[in-house]
Structure formats: structure tokens, C-alpha cells
Amino acid sequence: MHGLVTTVDIDAARMDEAESVLQEVTIPMTKSQLGFVRGVWLRSNDGSRGHGFVLFDTAEQAVAAAELAKQRPPADSPVTMRSVEVFQVVGEIG
């Protein structure tokens, strides 16, 4: 398995809008990607930062999802993408 890790800045004044985009666009789009296993999205307590951790069956599938993530969000979004990285899963618990 491989994981896609994203880091974003969130406009805290638009936190509700950012969460709506996550629930209505980002999560459904991510779930529809080939090889999707599971995902978790986190927001800092002050609402200004977020991280996404998404697992895919293969490196190729994670890289394809990363390329898609790099194309988003649009300029008027309440979220600014800071980084998109793919990692090999070397351990798991749960």
C-alpha cells in the first residue's frame, strides 16, 4: 500500500465553507479513485491547517491521486494546498 499525505492552510473565517467542500467534493472524489482503501482528514484546533491521509492499493494509484490533488483547489477556495506527497506504507496498526 501507499499513502497520499496532503497539507493545507484553511481560511479560518471560511471554516464552514472549507468543511462543506471537504464533505461534498473532496471525500466523494477521493473515494471514487481507483485503488482507494481509506482516508482520514484532520483539522488543527484553531482551524487554520489541515492534513489528509489517504491509502491506496498501489504506488501508481497514489501518484495518480496526488496529481489530481495538485490540480485543486481553485483560486477562490477557502483552502490553500501546501504539499502533496506519496509515501510507502511500512507499518500499520488498528
PDB file of N, CA and C in Angstrom:
ATOM      1  N   MET A   1       0.840  -1.185   0.000  1.00  0.00           N
ATOM      2  CA  MET A   1       0.000   0.000   0.000  1.00  0.00           C
ATOM      3  C   MET A   1       0.879   1.240   0.000  1.00  0.00           C
ATOM      4  N   HIS A   2       0.269   2.324  -0.478  1.00  0.00           N
ATOM      5  CA  HIS A   2       0.926   3.626  -0.474  1.00  0.00           C
ATOM      6  C   HIS A   2      -0.056   4.668   0.041  1.00  0.00           C
ATOM      7  N   GLY A   3       0.483   5.671   0.719  1.00  0.00           N
ATOM      8  CA  GLY A   3      -0.345   6.723   1.287  1.00  0.00           C
ATOM      9  C   GLY A   3      -0.093   8.051   0.624  1.00  0.00           C
ATOM     10  N   LEU A   4      -1.148   8.799   0.456  1.00  0.00           N
ATOM     11  CA  LEU A   4      -1.095  10.164  -0.040  1.00  0.00           C
ATOM     12  C   LEU A   4      -1.302  11.078   1.161  1.00  0.00           C
ATOM     13  N   VAL A   5      -0.366  11.990   1.371  1.00  0.00           N
ATOM     14  CA  VAL A   5      -0.448  12.917   2.502  1.00  0.00           C
ATOM     15  C   VAL A   5      -0.532  14.333   1.944  1.00  0.00           C
ATOM     16  N   THR A   6      -1.590  15.042   2.309  1.00  0.00           N
ATOM     17  CA  THR A   6      -1.747  16.430   1.876  1.00  0.00           C
ATOM     18  C   THR A   6      -1.717  17.348   3.090  1.00  0.00           C
ATOM     19  N   THR A   7      -1.207  18.536   2.877  1.00  0.00           N
ATOM     20  CA  THR A   7      -1.189  19.564   3.912  1.00  0.00           C
ATOM     21  C   THR A   7      -1.799  20.823   3.313  1.00  0.00           C
ATOM     22  N   VAL A   8      -2.742  21.416   4.032  1.00  0.00           N
ATOM     23  CA  VAL A   8      -3.417  22.616   3.541  1.00  0.00           C
ATOM     24  C   VAL A   8      -3.455  23.696   4.619  1.00  0.00           C
ATOM     25  N   ASP A   9      -3.565  24.925   4.156  1.00  0.00           N
ATOM     26  CA  ASP A   9      -3.901  26.048   5.021  1.00  0.00           C
ATOM     27  C   ASP A   9      -5.385  26.316   4.812  1.00  0.00           C
ATOM     28  N   ILE A  10      -6.079  26.635   5.887  1.00  0.00           N
ATOM     29  CA  ILE A  10      -7.523  26.881   5.836  1.00  0.00           C
ATOM     30  C   ILE A  10      -7.794  28.309   6.276  1.00  0.00           C
ATOM     31  N   ASP A  11      -8.604  29.019   5.508  1.00  0.00           N
ATOM     32  CA  ASP A  11      -9.043  30.352   5.900  1.00  0.00           C
ATOM     33  C   ASP A  11     -10.028  30.158   7.051  1.00  0.00           C
ATOM     34  N   ALA A  12      -9.591  30.456   8.273  1.00  0.00           N
ATOM     35  CA  ALA A  12     -10.403  30.195   9.469  1.00  0.00           C
ATOM     36  C   ALA A  12     -11.743  30.929   9.421  1.00  0.00           C
ATOM     37  N   ALA A  13     -11.796  32.052   8.730  1.00  0.00           N
ATOM     38  CA  ALA A  13     -13.052  32.794   8.604  1.00  0.00           C
ATOM     39  C   ALA A  13     -14.034  32.071   7.690  1.00  0.00           C
ATOM     40  N   ARG A  14     -13.523  31.086   6.920  1.00  0.00           N
ATOM     41  CA  ARG A  14     -14.365  30.340   5.975  1.00  0.00           C
ATOM     42  C   ARG A  14     -14.350  28.842   6.313  1.00  0.00           C
ATOM     43  N   MET A  15     -14.179  28.529   7.593  1.00  0.00           N
ATOM     44  CA  MET A  15     -14.049  27.139   8.038  1.00  0.00           C
ATOM     45  C   MET A  15     -15.268  26.292   7.656  1.00  0.00           C
ATOM     46  N   ASP A  16     -16.479  26.829   7.796  1.00  0.00           N
ATOM     47  CA  ASP A  16     -17.680  26.075   7.446  1.00  0.00           C
ATOM     48  C   ASP A  16     -17.699  25.750   5.955  1.00  0.00           C
ATOM     49  N   GLU A  17     -17.302  26.710   5.144  1.00  0.00           N
ATOM     50  CA  GLU A  17     -17.243  26.501   3.696  1.00  0.00           C
ATOM     51  C   GLU A  17     -16.195  25.444   3.359  1.00  0.00           C
ATOM     52  N   ALA A  18     -15.044  25.517   4.028  1.00  0.00           N
ATOM     53  CA  ALA A  18     -13.980  24.537   3.790  1.00  0.00           C
ATOM     54  C   ALA A  18     -14.460  23.131   4.134  1.00  0.00           C
ATOM     55  N   GLU A  19     -15.186  22.986   5.229  1.00  0.00           N
ATOM     56  CA  GLU A  19     -15.691  21.669   5.617  1.00  0.00           C
ATOM     57  C   GLU A  19     -16.744  21.163   4.635  1.00  0.00           C
ATOM     58  N   SER A  20     -17.573  22.057   4.125  1.00  0.00           N
ATOM     59  CA  SER A  20     -18.562  21.663   3.121  1.00  0.00           C
ATOM     60  C   SER A  20     -17.884  21.149   1.854  1.00  0.00           C
ATOM     61  N   VAL A  21     -16.844  21.835   1.398  1.00  0.00           N
ATOM     62  CA  VAL A  21     -16.107  21.382   0.217  1.00  0.00           C
ATOM     63  C   VAL A  21     -15.486  20.016   0.480  1.00  0.00           C
ATOM     64  N   LEU A  22     -14.935  19.838   1.663  1.00  0.00           N
ATOM     65  CA  LEU A  22     -14.347  18.548   2.019  1.00  0.00           C
ATOM     66  C   LEU A  22     -15.401  17.442   1.940  1.00  0.00           C
ATOM     67  N   GLN A  23     -16.544  17.647   2.579  1.00  0.00           N
ATOM     68  CA  GLN A  23     -17.586  16.621   2.653  1.00  0.00           C
ATOM     69  C   GLN A  23     -18.286  16.375   1.315  1.00  0.00           C
ATOM     70  N   GLU A  24     -18.498  17.445   0.537  1.00  0.00           N
ATOM     71  CA  GLU A  24     -19.305  17.339  -0.681  1.00  0.00           C
ATOM     72  C   GLU A  24     -18.486  17.099  -1.950  1.00  0.00           C
ATOM     73  N   VAL A  25     -17.201  17.469  -1.929  1.00  0.00           N
ATOM     74  CA  VAL A  25     -16.379  17.350  -3.143  1.00  0.00           C
ATOM     75  C   VAL A  25     -15.172  16.445  -2.922  1.00  0.00           C
ATOM     76  N   THR A  26     -14.328  16.814  -1.966  1.00  0.00           N
ATOM     77  CA  THR A  26     -13.051  16.123  -1.797  1.00  0.00           C
ATOM     78  C   THR A  26     -13.226  14.653  -1.421  1.00  0.00           C
ATOM     79  N   ILE A  27     -14.010  14.375  -0.402  1.00  0.00           N
ATOM     80  CA  ILE A  27     -14.160  12.990   0.045  1.00  0.00           C
ATOM     81  C   ILE A  27     -14.823  12.120  -1.021  1.00  0.00           C
ATOM     82  N   PRO A  28     -15.951  12.538  -1.615  1.00  0.00           N
ATOM     83  CA  PRO A  28     -16.530  11.690  -2.667  1.00  0.00           C
ATOM     84  C   PRO A  28     -15.580  11.468  -3.851  1.00  0.00           C
ATOM     85  N   MET A  29     -14.863  12.517  -4.258  1.00  0.00           N
ATOM     86  CA  MET A  29     -13.926  12.384  -5.367  1.00  0.00           C
ATOM     87  C   MET A  29     -12.805  11.413  -5.006  1.00  0.00           C
ATOM     88  N   THR A  30     -12.299  11.504  -3.786  1.00  0.00           N
ATOM     89  CA  THR A  30     -11.220  10.628  -3.348  1.00  0.00           C
ATOM     90  C   THR A  30     -11.693   9.183  -3.284  1.00  0.00           C
ATOM     91  N   LYS A  31     -12.862   8.961  -2.740  1.00  0.00           N
ATOM     92  CA  LYS A  31     -13.411   7.607  -2.629  1.00  0.00           C
ATOM     93  C   LYS A  31     -13.596   6.948  -3.992  1.00  0.00           C
ATOM     94  N   SER A  32     -13.810   7.756  -5.021  1.00  0.00           N
ATOM     95  CA  SER A  32     -14.043   7.202  -6.359  1.00  0.00           C
ATOM     96  C   SER A  32     -12.751   6.843  -7.093  1.00  0.00           C
ATOM     97  N   GLN A  33     -11.598   7.196  -6.526  1.00  0.00           N
ATOM     98  CA  GLN A  33     -10.322   6.921  -7.184  1.00  0.00           C
ATOM     99  C   GLN A  33     -10.009   5.431  -7.159  1.00  0.00           C
ATOM    100  N   LEU A  34      -9.452   4.955  -8.249  1.00  0.00           N
ATOM    101  CA  LEU A  34      -9.056   3.560  -8.372  1.00  0.00           C
ATOM    102  C   LEU A  34      -8.073   3.201  -7.260  1.00  0.00           C
ATOM    103  N   GLY A  35      -8.310   2.099  -6.562  1.00  0.00           N
ATOM    104  CA  GLY A  35      -7.407   1.611  -5.532  1.00  0.00           C
ATOM    105  C   GLY A  35      -7.585   2.234  -4.167  1.00  0.00           C
ATOM    106  N   PHE A  36      -8.593   3.120  -4.004  1.00  0.00           N
ATOM    107  CA  PHE A  36      -8.837   3.750  -2.706  1.00  0.00           C
ATOM    108  C   PHE A  36      -9.088   2.686  -1.637  1.00  0.00           C
ATOM    109  N   VAL A  37      -8.407   2.830  -0.493  1.00  0.00           N
ATOM    110  CA  VAL A  37      -8.590   1.914   0.636  1.00  0.00           C
ATOM    111  C   VAL A  37      -9.342   2.614   1.763  1.00  0.00           C
ATOM    112  N   ARG A  38      -8.801   3.721   2.247  1.00  0.00           N
ATOM    113  CA  ARG A  38      -9.462   4.512   3.288  1.00  0.00           C
ATOM    114  C   ARG A  38      -8.757   5.856   3.428  1.00  0.00           C
ATOM    115  N   GLY A  39      -9.431   6.795   4.091  1.00  0.00           N
ATOM    116  CA  GLY A  39      -8.854   8.119   4.254  1.00  0.00           C
ATOM    117  C   GLY A  39      -9.283   8.753   5.560  1.00  0.00           C
ATOM    118  N   VAL A  40      -8.462   9.670   6.026  1.00  0.00           N
ATOM    119  CA  VAL A  40      -8.742  10.448   7.231  1.00  0.00           C
ATOM    120  C   VAL A  40      -8.304  11.885   6.945  1.00  0.00           C
ATOM    121  N   TRP A  41      -9.147  12.826   7.322  1.00  0.00           N
ATOM    122  CA  TRP A  41      -8.819  14.232   7.168  1.00  0.00           C
ATOM    123  C   TRP A  41      -8.835  14.878   8.547  1.00  0.00           C
ATOM    124  N   LEU A  42      -7.829  15.674   8.834  1.00  0.00           N
ATOM    125  CA  LEU A  42      -7.663  16.290  10.152  1.00  0.00           C
ATOM    126  C   LEU A  42      -7.614  17.805  10.017  1.00  0.00           C
ATOM    127  N   ARG A  43      -8.121  18.503  11.041  1.00  0.00           N
ATOM    128  CA  ARG A  43      -8.044  19.963  11.091  1.00  0.00           C
ATOM    129  C   ARG A  43      -7.466  20.361  12.443  1.00  0.00           C
ATOM    130  N   SER A  44      -6.572  21.343  12.432  1.00  0.00           N
ATOM    131  CA  SER A  44      -5.983  21.822  13.680  1.00  0.00           C
ATOM    132  C   SER A  44      -7.072  22.432  14.560  1.00  0.00           C
ATOM    133  N   ASN A  45      -6.809  22.490  15.861  1.00  0.00           N
ATOM    134  CA  ASN A  45      -7.792  23.031  16.801  1.00  0.00           C
ATOM    135  C   ASN A  45      -8.164  24.473  16.502  1.00  0.00           C
ATOM    136  N   ASP A  46      -7.217  25.251  15.975  1.00  0.00           N
ATOM    137  CA  ASP A  46      -7.534  26.647  15.658  1.00  0.00           C
ATOM    138  C   ASP A  46      -8.167  26.799  14.279  1.00  0.00           C
ATOM    139  N   GLY A  47      -8.305  25.698  13.538  1.00  0.00           N
ATOM    140  CA  GLY A  47      -8.980  25.722  12.246  1.00  0.00           C
ATOM    141  C   GLY A  47      -8.163  26.258  11.096  1.00  0.00           C
ATOM    142  N   SER A  48      -6.879  26.497  11.291  1.00  0.00           N
ATOM    143  CA  SER A  48      -6.074  27.143  10.249  1.00  0.00           C
ATOM    144  C   SER A  48      -5.284  26.179   9.359  1.00  0.00           C
ATOM    145  N   ARG A  49      -5.195  24.919   9.753  1.00  0.00           N
ATOM    146  CA  ARG A  49      -4.405  23.944   8.985  1.00  0.00           C
ATOM    147  C   ARG A  49      -5.143  22.628   8.917  1.00  0.00           C
ATOM    148  N   GLY A  50      -4.789  21.849   7.892  1.00  0.00           N
ATOM    149  CA  GLY A  50      -5.390  20.536   7.769  1.00  0.00           C
ATOM    150  C   GLY A  50      -4.434  19.559   7.115  1.00  0.00           C
ATOM    151  N   HIS A  51      -4.667  18.289   7.390  1.00  0.00           N
ATOM    152  CA  HIS A  51      -3.891  17.214   6.773  1.00  0.00           C
ATOM    153  C   HIS A  51      -4.870  16.150   6.300  1.00  0.00           C
ATOM    154  N   GLY A  52      -4.552  15.550   5.172  1.00  0.00           N
ATOM    155  CA  GLY A  52      -5.309  14.410   4.684  1.00  0.00           C
ATOM    156  C   GLY A  52      -4.373  13.224   4.550  1.00  0.00           C
ATOM    157  N   PHE A  53      -4.823  12.057   4.967  1.00  0.00           N
ATOM    158  CA  PHE A  53      -4.057  10.813   4.854  1.00  0.00           C
ATOM    159  C   PHE A  53      -4.960   9.813   4.147  1.00  0.00           C
ATOM    160  N   VAL A  54      -4.570   9.414   2.944  1.00  0.00           N
ATOM    161  CA  VAL A  54      -5.395   8.511   2.150  1.00  0.00           C
ATOM    162  C   VAL A  54      -4.542   7.340   1.688  1.00  0.00           C
ATOM    163  N   LEU A  55      -5.050   6.134   1.881  1.00  0.00           N
ATOM    164  CA  LEU A  55      -4.331   4.925   1.484  1.00  0.00           C
ATOM    165  C   LEU A  55      -4.877   4.378   0.174  1.00  0.00           C
ATOM    166  N   PHE A  56      -3.947   3.910  -0.666  1.00  0.00           N
ATOM    167  CA  PHE A  56      -4.271   3.298  -1.947  1.00  0.00           C
ATOM    168  C   PHE A  56      -3.559   1.959  -2.041  1.00  0.00           C
ATOM    169  N   ASP A  57      -4.091   1.086  -2.882  1.00  0.00           N
ATOM    170  CA  ASP A  57      -3.506  -0.241  -3.055  1.00  0.00           C
ATOM    171  C   ASP A  57      -2.091  -0.198  -3.617  1.00  0.00           C
ATOM    172  N   THR A  58      -1.836   0.693  -4.578  1.00  0.00           N
ATOM    173  CA  THR A  58      -0.536   0.700  -5.258  1.00  0.00           C
ATOM    174  C   THR A  58       0.061   2.094  -5.296  1.00  0.00           C
ATOM    175  N   ALA A  59       1.357   2.141  -5.555  1.00  0.00           N
ATOM    176  CA  ALA A  59       2.059   3.421  -5.713  1.00  0.00           C
ATOM    177  C   ALA A  59       1.491   4.204  -6.885  1.00  0.00           C
ATOM    178  N   GLU A  60       1.215   3.510  -7.983  1.00  0.00           N
ATOM    179  CA  GLU A  60       0.695   4.176  -9.180  1.00  0.00           C
ATOM    180  C   GLU A  60      -0.643   4.851  -8.900  1.00  0.00           C
ATOM    181  N   GLN A  61      -1.487   4.189  -8.136  1.00  0.00           N
ATOM    182  CA  GLN A  61      -2.789   4.762  -7.804  1.00  0.00           C
ATOM    183  C   GLN A  61      -2.639   5.974  -6.887  1.00  0.00           C
ATOM    184  N   ALA A  62      -1.720   5.901  -5.943  1.00  0.00           N
ATOM    185  CA  ALA A  62      -1.475   7.036  -5.048  1.00  0.00           C
ATOM    186  C   ALA A  62      -0.907   8.215  -5.816  1.00  0.00           C
ATOM    187  N   VAL A  63       0.001   7.950  -6.749  1.00  0.00           N
ATOM    188  CA  VAL A  63       0.593   9.024  -7.561  1.00  0.00           C
ATOM    189  C   VAL A  63      -0.477   9.677  -8.435  1.00  0.00           C
ATOM    190  N   ALA A  64      -1.368   8.866  -9.016  1.00  0.00           N
ATOM    191  CA  ALA A  64      -2.450   9.425  -9.832  1.00  0.00           C
ATOM    192  C   ALA A  64      -3.351  10.325  -8.990  1.00  0.00           C
ATOM    193  N   ALA A  65      -3.652   9.904  -7.771  1.00  0.00           N
ATOM    194  CA  ALA A  65      -4.473  10.719  -6.874  1.00  0.00           C
ATOM    195  C   ALA A  65      -3.737  11.991  -6.480  1.00  0.00           C
ATOM    196  N   ALA A  66      -2.423  11.896  -6.297  1.00  0.00           N
ATOM    197  CA  ALA A  66      -1.623  13.079  -5.950  1.00  0.00           C
ATOM    198  C   ALA A  66      -1.661  14.102  -7.076  1.00  0.00           C
ATOM    199  N   GLU A  67      -1.568  13.629  -8.312  1.00  0.00           N
ATOM    200  CA  GLU A  67      -1.631  14.544  -9.457  1.00  0.00           C
ATOM    201  C   GLU A  67      -2.973  15.263  -9.497  1.00  0.00           C
ATOM    202  N   LEU A  68      -4.042  14.552  -9.201  1.00  0.00           N
ATOM    203  CA  LEU A  68      -5.362  15.163  -9.146  1.00  0.00           C
ATOM    204  C   LEU A  68      -5.436  16.188  -8.015  1.00  0.00           C
ATOM    205  N   ALA A  69      -4.889  15.841  -6.852  1.00  0.00           N
ATOM    206  CA  ALA A  69      -4.913  16.757  -5.701  1.00  0.00           C
ATOM    207  C   ALA A  69      -4.134  18.030  -5.985  1.00  0.00           C
ATOM    208  N   LYS A  70      -3.073  17.930  -6.750  1.00  0.00           N
ATOM    209  CA  LYS A  70      -2.263  19.107  -7.079  1.00  0.00           C
ATOM    210  C   LYS A  70      -3.015  20.089  -7.967  1.00  0.00           C
ATOM    211  N   GLN A  71      -4.047  19.630  -8.667  1.00  0.00           N
ATOM    212  CA  GLN A  71      -4.839  20.491  -9.541  1.00  0.00           C
ATOM    213  C   GLN A  71      -5.879  21.284  -8.771  1.00  0.00           C
ATOM    214  N   ARG A  72      -6.076  20.958  -7.534  1.00  0.00           N
ATOM    215  CA  ARG A  72      -7.107  21.596  -6.722  1.00  0.00           C
ATOM    216  C   ARG A  72      -6.454  22.233  -5.518  1.00  0.00           C
ATOM    217  N   PRO A  73      -7.037  23.127  -4.837  1.00  0.00           N
ATOM    218  CA  PRO A  73      -8.336  23.732  -5.033  1.00  0.00           C
ATOM    219  C   PRO A  73      -8.253  24.950  -5.947  1.00  0.00           C
ATOM    220  N   PRO A  74      -9.396  25.448  -6.411  1.00  0.00           N
ATOM    221  CA  PRO A  74      -9.404  26.647  -7.250  1.00  0.00           C
ATOM    222  C   PRO A  74      -8.978  27.880  -6.457  1.00  0.00           C
ATOM    223  N   ALA A  75      -8.658  28.939  -7.162  1.00  0.00           N
ATOM    224  CA  ALA A  75      -8.127  30.167  -6.546  1.00  0.00           C
ATOM    225  C   ALA A  75      -9.053  30.776  -5.497  1.00  0.00           C
ATOM    226  N   ASP A  76     -10.359  30.638  -5.648  1.00  0.00           N
ATOM    227  CA  ASP A  76     -11.292  31.252  -4.694  1.00  0.00           C
ATOM    228  C   ASP A  76     -11.664  30.318  -3.543  1.00  0.00           C
ATOM    229  N   SER A  77     -10.932  29.243  -3.382  1.00  0.00           N
ATOM    230  CA  SER A  77     -11.223  28.252  -2.349  1.00  0.00           C
ATOM    231  C   SER A  77     -10.827  28.738  -0.956  1.00  0.00           C
ATOM    232  N   PRO A  78     -11.508  28.261   0.090  1.00  0.00           N
ATOM    233  CA  PRO A  78     -11.113  28.585   1.453  1.00  0.00           C
ATOM    234  C   PRO A  78      -9.888  27.788   1.909  1.00  0.00           C
ATOM    235  N   VAL A  79      -9.365  26.947   1.026  1.00  0.00           N
ATOM    236  CA  VAL A  79      -8.220  26.088   1.343  1.00  0.00           C
ATOM    237  C   VAL A  79      -7.094  26.347   0.357  1.00  0.00           C
ATOM    238  N   THR A  80      -5.858  26.422   0.867  1.00  0.00           N
ATOM    239  CA  THR A  80      -4.671  26.563   0.026  1.00  0.00           C
ATOM    240  C   THR A  80      -3.818  25.317   0.203  1.00  0.00           C
ATOM    241  N   MET A  81      -3.524  24.637  -0.892  1.00  0.00           N
ATOM    242  CA  MET A  81      -2.711  23.428  -0.838  1.00  0.00           C
ATOM    243  C   MET A  81      -1.260  23.810  -0.561  1.00  0.00           C
ATOM    244  N   ARG A  82      -0.671  23.194   0.467  1.00  0.00           N
ATOM    245  CA  ARG A  82       0.730  23.439   0.819  1.00  0.00           C
ATOM    246  C   ARG A  82       1.640  22.332   0.318  1.00  0.00           C
ATOM    247  N   SER A  83       1.209  21.085   0.443  1.00  0.00           N
ATOM    248  CA  SER A  83       2.040  19.987  -0.043  1.00  0.00           C
ATOM    249  C   SER A  83       1.198  18.767  -0.335  1.00  0.00           C
ATOM    250  N   VAL A  84       1.692  17.967  -1.281  1.00  0.00           N
ATOM    251  CA  VAL A  84       1.082  16.701  -1.662  1.00  0.00           C
ATOM    252  C   VAL A  84       2.231  15.720  -1.826  1.00  0.00           C
ATOM    253  N   GLU A  85       2.240  14.656  -1.019  1.00  0.00           N
ATOM    254  CA  GLU A  85       3.339  13.695  -1.069  1.00  0.00           C
ATOM    255  C   GLU A  85       2.799  12.272  -1.016  1.00  0.00           C
ATOM    256  N   VAL A  86       3.542  11.360  -1.647  1.00  0.00           N
ATOM    257  CA  VAL A  86       3.194   9.941  -1.636  1.00  0.00           C
ATOM    258  C   VAL A  86       4.272   9.195  -0.856  1.00  0.00           C
ATOM    259  N   PHE A  87       3.821   8.291   0.023  1.00  0.00           N
ATOM    260  CA  PHE A  87       4.726   7.501   0.855  1.00  0.00           C
ATOM    261  C   PHE A  87       4.355   6.029   0.762  1.00  0.00           C
ATOM    262  N   GLN A  88       5.330   5.168   0.902  1.00  0.00           N
ATOM    263  CA  GLN A  88       5.084   3.738   1.001  1.00  0.00           C
ATOM    264  C   GLN A  88       4.667   3.420   2.434  1.00  0.00           C
ATOM    265  N   VAL A  89       3.652   2.600   2.600  1.00  0.00           N
ATOM    266  CA  VAL A  89       3.232   2.158   3.926  1.00  0.00           C
ATOM    267  C   VAL A  89       4.189   1.069   4.389  1.00  0.00           C
ATOM    268  N   VAL A  90       4.818   1.281   5.545  1.00  0.00           N
ATOM    269  CA  VAL A  90       5.763   0.305   6.070  1.00  0.00           C
ATOM    270  C   VAL A  90       5.310  -0.284   7.413  1.00  0.00           C
ATOM    271  N   GLY A  91       4.191   0.191   7.911  1.00  0.00           N
ATOM    272  CA  GLY A  91       3.637  -0.338   9.144  1.00  0.00           C
ATOM    273  C   GLY A  91       2.242   0.185   9.337  1.00  0.00           C
ATOM    274  N   GLU A  92       1.430  -0.586  10.054  1.00  0.00           N
ATOM    275  CA  GLU A  92       0.043  -0.183  10.283  1.00  0.00           C
ATOM    276  C   GLU A  92      -0.451  -0.845  11.561  1.00  0.00           C
ATOM    277  N   ILE A  93      -1.325  -0.150  12.268  1.00  0.00           N
ATOM    278  CA  ILE A  93      -1.939  -0.703  13.468  1.00  0.00           C
ATOM    279  C   ILE A  93      -3.408  -0.304  13.441  1.00  0.00           C
ATOM    280  N   GLY A  94      -4.244  -1.102  14.010  1.00  0.00           N
ATOM    281  CA  GLY A  94      -5.637  -0.731  14.078  1.00  0.00           C
ATOM    282  C   GLY A  94      -6.510  -1.789  13.762  1.00  0.00           C
TER     283      GLY A  94
END
